[in-house]
Amino acid sequence: MNKFTDLNFKALVFGAAIAGAFILFGWQINDWLYPFASIGLLYAGYGQNNWKQGTLCGAIASTPIIVLTFQGYMGQFDGFFLTENGMMALTALILIIGAFVGFVGAWTKRSREMALAEQEKKQNIGKNKNKKKNKK
């Protein structure tokens, strides 16, 4: 049983690339570009079919952020974050935040699809009234 066939790998790869690119842009250009890395994680979650896959893909798409953080692109760390436990905690924190943002992206897609279906149902309410009257 292969559960990976339903994953949208294009959204996962592009989302991870967008997240990593905004970290690099923030390092080279200006610090205010760092928060825009969440756009890639949102896209990775939005491209999936359900919220479980969106959460998983959000966490996976945040791995370039972890790598770039440990290479020094997010600034220098001191104190607790230089220890092994600090690095593990930082890794877990980035993965949890990535999973949450991916969940928000998948939840947004599900809510949008439900709203579109409800709008379509409302538009079809009065369309067949005249056809039924003409048959009698």
Protein backbone atom coordinates (compact mmCIF):
# COMPACT_ATOMS: atom_id res chain seq x y z
CA MET A 1 0.00 0.00 0.00
CA ASN A 2 1.73 3.14 -1.25
CA LYS A 3 0.45 6.33 0.38
CA PHE A 4 2.90 8.55 -1.48
CA THR A 5 1.01 8.38 -4.76
CA ASP A 6 -1.53 10.96 -3.55
CA LEU A 7 1.11 13.53 -2.55
CA ASN A 8 1.56 16.55 -4.78
CA PHE A 9 5.34 16.49 -5.11
CA LYS A 10 5.38 19.60 -7.28
CA ALA A 11 3.81 21.66 -4.48
CA LEU A 12 6.18 20.08 -1.95
CA VAL A 13 9.33 20.82 -3.95
CA PHE A 14 8.28 24.33 -4.98
CA GLY A 15 7.15 25.13 -1.45
CA ALA A 16 10.49 24.05 0.01
CA ALA A 17 12.34 26.01 -2.68
CA ILE A 18 10.30 29.16 -2.01
CA ALA A 19 10.92 28.84 1.73
CA GLY A 20 14.65 28.43 1.22
CA ALA A 21 14.81 31.24 -1.33
CA PHE A 22 13.21 33.75 1.02
CA ILE A 23 15.69 32.81 3.75
CA LEU A 24 18.54 33.47 1.32
CA PHE A 25 16.93 36.73 0.13
CA GLY A 26 16.54 37.83 3.73
CA TRP A 27 20.20 37.13 4.41
CA GLN A 28 21.44 38.94 1.28
CA ILE A 29 18.99 41.83 0.93
CA ASN A 30 17.20 42.68 4.16
CA ASP A 31 15.97 40.98 7.32
CA TRP A 32 12.30 41.78 6.72
CA LEU A 33 12.15 39.10 3.99
CA TYR A 34 12.58 36.21 6.48
CA PRO A 35 8.87 35.92 7.42
CA PHE A 36 7.89 35.49 3.77
CA ALA A 37 9.44 32.01 3.87
CA SER A 38 6.10 30.86 5.27
CA ILE A 39 4.58 31.41 1.81
CA GLY A 40 6.41 28.30 0.62
CA LEU A 41 5.16 26.25 3.56
CA LEU A 42 1.60 27.43 2.94
CA TYR A 43 1.90 26.43 -0.72
CA ALA A 44 3.26 23.00 0.23
CA GLY A 45 0.24 22.41 2.46
CA TYR A 46 -2.29 23.96 0.07
CA GLY A 47 -1.26 21.67 -2.76
CA GLN A 48 -2.16 18.48 -0.88
CA ASN A 49 -5.46 16.59 -0.85
CA ASN A 50 -6.19 16.47 2.89
CA TRP A 51 -4.99 18.09 6.08
CA LYS A 52 -2.82 15.13 7.17
CA GLN A 53 -0.78 15.26 3.98
CA GLY A 54 -0.65 19.05 4.20
CA THR A 55 0.73 18.89 7.72
CA LEU A 56 3.34 16.30 6.73
CA CYS A 57 4.40 18.23 3.64
CA GLY A 58 4.64 21.47 5.62
CA ALA A 59 7.06 19.79 8.01
CA ILE A 60 9.08 18.29 5.16
CA ALA A 61 9.18 21.61 3.30
CA SER A 62 10.67 23.29 6.37
CA THR A 63 13.86 21.20 6.20
CA PRO A 64 15.68 23.76 3.98
CA ILE A 65 15.00 26.33 6.70
CA ILE A 66 16.68 24.03 9.23
CA VAL A 67 19.73 23.53 7.02
CA LEU A 68 20.08 27.25 6.30
CA THR A 69 19.64 28.10 9.97
CA PHE A 70 22.49 25.82 11.01
CA GLN A 71 24.70 27.19 8.24
CA GLY A 72 24.36 30.68 9.73
CA TYR A 73 21.93 32.33 7.31
CA MET A 74 19.57 33.28 10.15
CA GLY A 75 22.28 34.84 12.32
CA GLN A 76 24.61 33.60 15.02
CA PHE A 77 23.39 31.70 18.06
CA ASP A 78 24.75 31.82 21.58
CA GLY A 79 23.98 30.24 24.92
CA PHE A 80 21.55 27.35 24.95
CA PHE A 81 21.30 27.02 21.18
CA LEU A 82 24.97 26.11 20.85
CA THR A 83 24.47 22.90 22.84
CA GLU A 84 23.20 19.66 21.34
CA ASN A 85 19.92 19.93 23.22
CA GLY A 86 19.49 23.48 21.97
CA MET A 87 20.04 22.44 18.38
CA MET A 88 17.56 19.57 18.75
CA ALA A 89 15.02 21.94 20.30
CA LEU A 90 15.50 24.45 17.48
CA THR A 91 15.09 21.70 14.88
CA ALA A 92 11.92 20.44 16.55
CA LEU A 93 10.56 23.99 16.81
CA ILE A 94 11.12 24.69 13.11
CA LEU A 95 9.52 21.35 12.15
CA ILE A 96 6.49 22.00 14.39
CA ILE A 97 5.99 25.49 12.99
CA GLY A 98 6.37 24.14 9.44
CA ALA A 99 3.80 21.44 10.14
CA PHE A 100 1.39 24.00 11.58
CA VAL A 101 1.74 26.33 8.60
CA GLY A 102 1.26 23.37 6.22
CA PHE A 103 -1.87 22.42 8.17
CA VAL A 104 -3.19 25.97 7.77
CA GLY A 105 -2.58 25.77 4.01
CA ALA A 106 -4.42 22.44 3.71
CA TRP A 107 -7.27 23.69 5.91
CA THR A 108 -7.59 26.79 3.74
CA LYS A 109 -7.87 24.65 0.60
CA ARG A 110 -10.53 22.45 2.19
CA SER A 111 -12.53 25.48 3.35
CA ARG A 112 -12.32 27.05 -0.11
CA GLU A 113 -13.53 23.88 -1.81
CA MET A 114 -16.46 23.62 0.61
CA ALA A 115 -17.40 27.26 0.01
CA LEU A 116 -17.26 26.79 -3.77
CA ALA A 117 -19.48 23.70 -3.54
CA GLU A 118 -21.98 25.57 -1.37
CA GLN A 119 -22.03 28.51 -3.76
CA GLU A 120 -22.60 26.17 -6.71
CA LYS A 121 -25.48 24.52 -4.86
CA LYS A 122 -27.06 27.90 -4.14
CA GLN A 123 -26.80 28.93 -7.79
CA ASN A 124 -28.62 25.78 -8.97
CA ILE A 125 -31.65 26.20 -6.67
CA GLY A 126 -34.08 27.95 -9.00
CA LYS A 127 -32.83 26.96 -12.45
CA ASN A 128 -35.18 24.04 -13.22
CA LYS A 129 -38.52 25.55 -12.05
CA ASN A 130 -39.72 26.54 -15.53
CA LYS A 131 -38.89 23.15 -17.03
CA LYS A 132 -41.12 21.34 -14.53
CA LYS A 133 -44.07 23.67 -15.15
CA ASN A 134 -43.90 23.22 -18.93
CA LYS A 135 -44.10 19.41 -18.68
CA LYS A 136 -47.52 19.49 -16.93
